[in-house]
Protein backbone atom coordinates (compact mmCIF):
# COMPACT_ATOMS: atom_id res chain seq x y z
CA MET A 1 -93.73 -44.71 -252.77
CA ALA A 2 -93.59 -45.09 -256.55
CA LEU A 3 -96.72 -43.95 -258.48
CA ASP A 4 -98.07 -44.81 -262.00
CA GLU A 5 -95.40 -44.30 -264.92
CA GLY A 6 -96.90 -40.90 -265.77
CA ALA A 7 -96.05 -39.20 -262.39
CA THR A 8 -92.86 -36.89 -262.54
CA ILE A 9 -89.86 -37.76 -259.59
CA SER A 10 -91.06 -34.59 -257.58
CA GLU A 11 -94.83 -35.99 -257.40
CA ARG A 12 -93.47 -39.25 -256.15
CA ILE A 13 -91.35 -37.42 -253.47
CA ARG A 14 -94.22 -35.10 -252.33
CA LEU A 15 -96.93 -38.10 -252.19
CA GLY A 16 -94.39 -40.21 -250.30
CA LEU A 17 -93.32 -37.88 -247.58
CA GLY A 18 -95.30 -38.86 -245.13
CA ARG A 19 -93.86 -42.62 -245.38
CA LEU A 20 -90.21 -41.82 -245.21
CA THR A 21 -87.61 -42.23 -242.58
CA PRO A 22 -86.26 -39.31 -241.08
CA THR A 23 -83.26 -39.39 -242.99
CA GLY A 24 -84.97 -40.13 -245.99
CA ARG A 25 -87.05 -36.82 -245.68
CA LYS A 26 -83.59 -34.78 -245.49
CA VAL A 27 -83.09 -36.52 -249.12
CA ALA A 28 -86.26 -35.66 -250.06
CA HIS A 29 -86.46 -31.77 -248.68
CA ILE A 30 -82.97 -31.20 -250.55
CA LEU A 31 -84.52 -32.51 -253.75
CA LEU A 32 -87.71 -30.67 -253.65
CA ALA A 33 -85.86 -27.34 -252.62
CA ASN A 34 -83.39 -27.80 -255.33
CA TYR A 35 -85.27 -29.63 -258.09
CA PRO A 36 -83.95 -31.03 -260.31
CA VAL A 37 -80.38 -29.83 -260.02
CA ALA A 38 -80.18 -31.37 -256.85
CA GLY A 39 -80.68 -34.52 -258.27
CA LEU A 40 -77.98 -34.37 -260.90
CA GLU A 41 -75.22 -34.21 -258.28
CA THR A 42 -73.68 -37.68 -257.44
CA VAL A 43 -74.62 -39.86 -254.93
CA SER A 44 -71.95 -38.42 -252.49
CA GLU A 45 -72.63 -34.79 -253.46
CA LEU A 46 -76.20 -35.23 -252.71
CA ALA A 47 -75.63 -37.15 -249.50
CA CYS A 48 -73.54 -34.48 -248.30
CA ARG A 49 -76.06 -31.72 -248.84
CA ALA A 50 -78.70 -33.56 -247.19
CA GLN A 51 -76.17 -34.51 -244.36
CA VAL A 52 -77.12 -38.07 -244.79
CA SER A 53 -74.84 -41.29 -245.83
CA ALA A 54 -74.62 -42.52 -249.50
CA PRO A 55 -76.78 -45.62 -248.49
CA THR A 56 -79.49 -43.42 -247.41
CA VAL A 57 -79.41 -41.57 -250.82
CA LEU A 58 -79.63 -44.91 -252.72
CA ARG A 59 -82.37 -46.38 -250.65
CA PHE A 60 -84.14 -43.11 -251.08
CA VAL A 61 -84.12 -43.63 -254.94
CA SER A 62 -84.95 -47.05 -254.83
CA ARG A 63 -87.81 -46.44 -252.95
CA LEU A 64 -88.87 -43.94 -255.76
CA GLY A 65 -89.02 -46.96 -258.05
CA PHE A 66 -85.44 -46.76 -259.46
CA ALA A 67 -83.25 -49.67 -260.06
CA SER A 68 -79.97 -47.56 -259.78
CA TYR A 69 -79.25 -43.85 -259.29
CA PRO A 70 -77.83 -43.66 -263.01
CA ASP A 71 -81.42 -44.66 -263.82
CA PHE A 72 -83.00 -41.89 -261.71
CA GLN A 73 -80.71 -39.35 -263.08
CA ARG A 74 -81.59 -40.00 -266.60
CA ALA A 75 -85.16 -39.70 -265.68
CA LEU A 76 -84.37 -36.26 -263.98
CA ARG A 77 -82.73 -35.34 -267.59
CA SER A 78 -85.87 -36.59 -269.65
CA GLU A 79 -87.91 -34.08 -267.36
CA LEU A 80 -85.55 -31.34 -268.05
CA GLU A 81 -85.73 -31.83 -271.80
CA LEU A 82 -89.56 -31.79 -271.05
CA GLN A 83 -89.71 -28.31 -269.10
CA VAL A 84 -88.02 -26.27 -271.98
CA GLN A 85 -90.18 -27.61 -274.91
CA SER A 86 -91.26 -24.86 -277.40
CA PRO A 87 -94.40 -24.86 -279.50
CA LEU A 88 -91.91 -25.65 -282.40
CA VAL A 89 -90.41 -28.52 -280.98
CA LYS A 90 -93.62 -30.40 -279.68
CA ALA A 91 -94.75 -30.24 -283.09
CA ARG A 92 -92.84 -32.87 -284.23
CA PHE A 93 -93.99 -34.96 -281.17
CA SER A 94 -97.60 -33.95 -280.73
CA LEU A 95 -98.99 -33.98 -284.14
CA GLU A 96 -99.73 -36.61 -287.09
CA SER A 97 -99.87 -34.77 -290.25
CA ALA A 98 -102.70 -37.22 -291.72
CA THR A 99 -105.07 -37.47 -288.27
CA PRO A 100 -108.45 -37.35 -289.21
CA THR A 101 -110.49 -34.63 -287.28
CA GLU A 102 -112.31 -37.03 -285.09
CA GLN A 103 -109.47 -39.01 -284.20
CA LEU A 104 -107.61 -35.99 -283.04
CA LEU A 105 -110.75 -34.88 -281.17
CA ASN A 106 -110.71 -38.32 -279.16
CA ARG A 107 -107.08 -38.22 -278.80
CA PHE A 108 -107.22 -34.77 -277.52
CA HIS A 109 -110.30 -35.48 -275.03
CA GLN A 110 -108.46 -38.43 -273.63
CA SER A 111 -105.24 -36.86 -272.71
CA LEU A 112 -107.43 -33.92 -271.04
CA ALA A 113 -109.07 -36.69 -269.07
CA ASP A 114 -105.86 -38.28 -268.27
CA ASN A 115 -104.40 -34.90 -267.50
CA LEU A 116 -107.32 -34.49 -264.87
CA ALA A 117 -106.68 -37.97 -263.60
CA LYS A 118 -103.11 -37.64 -262.63
CA THR A 119 -103.29 -34.09 -261.55
CA PHE A 120 -105.75 -34.80 -258.66
CA ARG A 121 -104.67 -38.26 -258.16
CA SER A 122 -101.10 -36.76 -257.27
CA VAL A 123 -102.09 -33.59 -255.54
CA PRO A 124 -101.08 -34.30 -251.60
CA SER A 125 -104.50 -33.43 -249.63
CA ALA A 126 -102.27 -31.81 -247.01
CA GLU A 127 -100.91 -29.47 -249.58
CA PHE A 128 -104.34 -28.63 -250.83
CA ASP A 129 -105.78 -28.23 -247.33
CA ALA A 130 -102.87 -25.38 -246.40
CA VAL A 131 -103.41 -23.66 -249.44
CA VAL A 132 -107.25 -23.27 -248.56
CA ASP A 133 -106.17 -22.59 -244.75
CA ILE A 134 -103.98 -19.50 -246.35
CA PHE A 135 -106.80 -18.36 -248.81
CA SER A 136 -109.56 -18.77 -246.36
CA ASP A 137 -107.53 -16.63 -243.55
CA ARG A 138 -109.02 -12.91 -243.75
CA ARG A 139 -106.07 -11.75 -242.12
CA ARG A 140 -104.08 -12.44 -244.81
CA LYS A 141 -103.71 -10.23 -247.90
CA VAL A 142 -103.46 -12.25 -251.14
CA LEU A 143 -101.87 -11.25 -254.59
CA THR A 144 -102.20 -13.58 -257.67
CA ILE A 145 -99.95 -13.24 -260.57
CA GLY A 146 -99.29 -15.23 -263.69
CA GLY A 147 -97.30 -15.60 -267.07
CA ARG A 148 -98.18 -14.59 -270.42
CA PHE A 149 -101.09 -17.61 -270.75
CA SER A 150 -101.32 -18.37 -267.19
CA ASP A 151 -101.97 -14.93 -265.98
CA ALA A 152 -105.93 -16.04 -266.86
CA LEU A 153 -106.03 -18.21 -264.32
CA ALA A 154 -104.41 -15.98 -261.60
CA LEU A 155 -107.57 -13.32 -262.80
CA HIS A 156 -109.68 -15.97 -262.43
CA LEU A 157 -108.77 -16.90 -258.89
CA SER A 158 -108.71 -13.19 -257.83
CA LEU A 159 -112.11 -12.37 -259.03
CA HIS A 160 -113.64 -15.44 -257.08
CA LEU A 161 -111.60 -14.76 -253.90
CA ARG A 162 -112.34 -11.26 -253.92
CA ILE A 163 -116.31 -11.73 -253.91
CA ILE A 164 -116.08 -14.20 -250.57
CA ARG A 165 -113.63 -12.24 -248.89
CA SER A 166 -111.54 -8.77 -248.79
CA GLY A 167 -107.71 -8.44 -249.15
CA VAL A 168 -107.10 -10.13 -252.62
CA SER A 169 -105.94 -8.51 -256.08
CA HIS A 170 -104.38 -9.09 -259.01
CA ILE A 171 -101.30 -7.82 -260.32
CA ALA A 172 -101.13 -6.71 -263.80
CA GLY A 173 -99.45 -4.40 -266.25
CA GLN A 174 -95.64 -3.72 -266.54
CA SER A 175 -93.22 -5.95 -264.76
CA ALA A 176 -91.55 -2.63 -263.69
CA ASN A 177 -94.38 -1.84 -261.40
CA TRP A 178 -94.90 -5.53 -259.82
CA ARG A 179 -92.67 -4.22 -256.69
CA ASP A 180 -95.15 -1.55 -255.66
CA HIS A 181 -97.47 -4.22 -254.66
CA LEU A 182 -94.92 -5.80 -252.16
CA LEU A 183 -95.00 -2.36 -249.95
CA ASP A 184 -97.83 -3.54 -248.06
CA LEU A 185 -97.46 -7.13 -247.78
CA GLY A 186 -96.29 -8.77 -244.64
CA GLU A 187 -94.78 -12.06 -243.63
CA ARG A 188 -98.64 -13.29 -242.83
CA ASP A 189 -99.50 -12.32 -246.55
CA CYS A 190 -99.60 -14.83 -249.73
CA LEU A 191 -98.44 -14.30 -253.26
CA ALA A 192 -100.31 -16.80 -255.69
CA VAL A 193 -98.04 -17.26 -258.64
CA PHE A 194 -99.02 -19.11 -261.77
CA ASP A 195 -96.25 -20.40 -263.89
CA ILE A 196 -95.90 -23.39 -266.28
CA ARG A 197 -93.32 -24.30 -269.08
CA ARG A 198 -91.71 -22.21 -270.66
CA TYR A 199 -91.24 -20.57 -267.25
CA THR A 200 -91.32 -16.66 -267.17
CA PRO A 201 -87.76 -15.27 -265.71
CA ASP A 202 -89.88 -12.07 -264.65
CA LEU A 203 -92.08 -14.14 -262.32
CA ALA A 204 -89.16 -15.99 -260.88
CA GLU A 205 -87.26 -12.65 -259.92
CA PHE A 206 -90.56 -11.52 -258.63
CA ALA A 207 -91.30 -14.15 -256.34
CA ALA A 208 -87.63 -14.43 -255.15
CA ILE A 209 -88.00 -10.73 -254.05
CA ALA A 210 -91.30 -11.45 -252.37
CA ALA A 211 -89.98 -14.26 -250.49
CA SER A 212 -87.00 -12.37 -249.27
CA HIS A 213 -89.65 -9.96 -247.66
CA ARG A 214 -90.98 -13.27 -245.91
CA VAL A 215 -94.08 -13.23 -248.05
CA GLY A 216 -95.51 -16.68 -248.47
CA ILE A 217 -95.54 -17.91 -252.05
CA VAL A 218 -98.26 -20.33 -253.67
CA LEU A 219 -96.92 -21.88 -256.90
CA PHE A 220 -99.67 -22.97 -259.37
CA THR A 221 -97.47 -24.96 -261.94
CA ASP A 222 -97.34 -28.09 -263.91
CA GLN A 223 -95.64 -31.40 -263.19
CA TRP A 224 -92.10 -30.40 -264.15
CA LEU A 225 -92.27 -27.83 -261.76
CA SER A 226 -91.25 -24.12 -262.43
CA PRO A 227 -88.01 -22.83 -260.73
CA ILE A 228 -90.21 -20.80 -258.42
CA ALA A 229 -90.78 -24.04 -256.66
CA GLN A 230 -87.72 -23.37 -254.89
CA LYS A 231 -88.99 -20.42 -253.09
CA ALA A 232 -92.56 -21.77 -252.97
CA SER A 233 -94.08 -22.54 -249.34
CA HIS A 234 -96.66 -24.54 -250.98
CA ILE A 235 -97.16 -26.05 -254.49
CA LEU A 236 -99.92 -27.27 -256.48
CA ALA A 237 -98.93 -29.02 -259.83
CA ALA A 238 -101.13 -29.88 -262.77
CA HIS A 239 -100.32 -32.25 -265.91
CA VAL A 240 -100.55 -30.12 -268.91
CA PRO A 241 -99.19 -32.17 -272.05
CA VAL A 242 -101.60 -32.73 -274.83
CA PRO A 243 -101.39 -33.71 -278.60
CA SER A 244 -100.88 -29.74 -279.53
CA ARG A 245 -98.44 -27.35 -280.01
CA TRP A 246 -99.63 -25.91 -276.66
CA ASP A 247 -100.02 -27.06 -273.43
CA SER A 248 -103.54 -27.28 -271.77
CA MET A 249 -104.32 -25.38 -268.72
CA VAL A 250 -107.62 -27.61 -267.94
CA ALA A 251 -106.30 -29.55 -265.21
CA LEU A 252 -104.66 -26.28 -263.46
CA LEU A 253 -108.11 -24.38 -263.81
CA ALA A 254 -109.98 -27.67 -262.41
CA LEU A 255 -107.49 -27.17 -259.37
CA VAL A 256 -108.28 -23.76 -259.22
CA GLU A 257 -112.06 -24.30 -259.04
CA ALA A 258 -111.65 -26.95 -256.48
CA ILE A 259 -109.73 -24.52 -254.24
CA VAL A 260 -112.02 -21.88 -254.87
CA ALA A 261 -114.96 -24.28 -254.08
CA SER A 262 -113.45 -25.11 -250.66
CA THR A 263 -112.61 -21.90 -249.74
CA THR A 264 -116.05 -20.30 -250.14
CA GLU A 265 -117.26 -23.08 -247.85
CA ARG A 266 -114.77 -22.72 -245.65
CA LEU A 267 -115.80 -19.13 -245.43
CA TRP A 268 -119.52 -19.30 -246.10
CA SER A 269 -120.64 -18.06 -242.82
CA THR A 270 -119.59 -14.56 -243.88
CA ALA A 271 -119.06 -15.20 -247.72
CA GLU A 272 -123.14 -15.77 -247.76
CA GLY A 273 -123.41 -12.23 -246.46
CA ARG A 274 -120.83 -10.63 -249.24
CA LEU A 275 -122.71 -12.51 -252.10
CA ALA A 276 -126.21 -11.34 -250.95
CA THR A 277 -124.95 -7.75 -250.57
CA LEU A 278 -123.32 -8.15 -254.25
CA GLU A 279 -126.86 -9.65 -255.66
CA THR A 280 -128.54 -6.58 -253.87
CA MET A 281 -126.09 -4.17 -255.70
CA ARG A 282 -126.68 -5.91 -259.05
CA HIS A 283 -130.30 -5.18 -259.12
CA VAL A 284 -130.15 -1.64 -257.96
CA PRO A 285 -131.63 0.27 -261.05
CA ARG A 286 -129.15 2.43 -263.06
CA VAL A 287 -129.27 6.10 -262.89
CA GLY A 288 -129.59 8.25 -266.07
């Protein structure tokens, strides 16, 4: 089950789900539903929560590539530290004061290439297909929303989807007004949330309210997983670190564009007519 060293524990778990025993899947589901807190419990506590034996938990950790349970927990704690890094902290690790421009450009380019490769390698194809299924179902309404910077990707997704299908909206404005959008959503509908570190508490609260009304949550996040993962029906995670004080959204954008491309093809029999109509409207002469 173990992946390359750059893979997070959650990525290893999600990619290996299909190869686990039934008892191993119980442990995996508990960890993913309460990530990473459940993994910081003792072996006996995690075993009790998953309703399996302690040896089952230890075998599961071994399949992830860890020599011991303490090694597994140390890796989780390291991920927790990365989750909360601010630009002020990242600066100490990311930049070399005397780095020549060309060298920095090369490092940045390589980081972006690595992020793209790791992201597409770690996305389970079944999860990708499930998200495309949701966005392709014209009976479902789709709302998109994001954090301070990631909201640009939420808008990007909605602008594309609303061209190829109806029932798509982007939520913007004051957080006090977000809940209004849930009034017309049902259990078949979807809220697509974008949230990368440092995660947005208002988004987590809004997603929890949506989930309590049985609205499906599709989460676009980073490799460490937003807390919204606990409420999400589906998760698409991208790698974001680059040699900068800021995280990169290039790989997350690439995931969005892959989703849009696949959804467009899935709906092409009706999307083609919508696009043709839109092109006609664009060429209508303006009056006055």
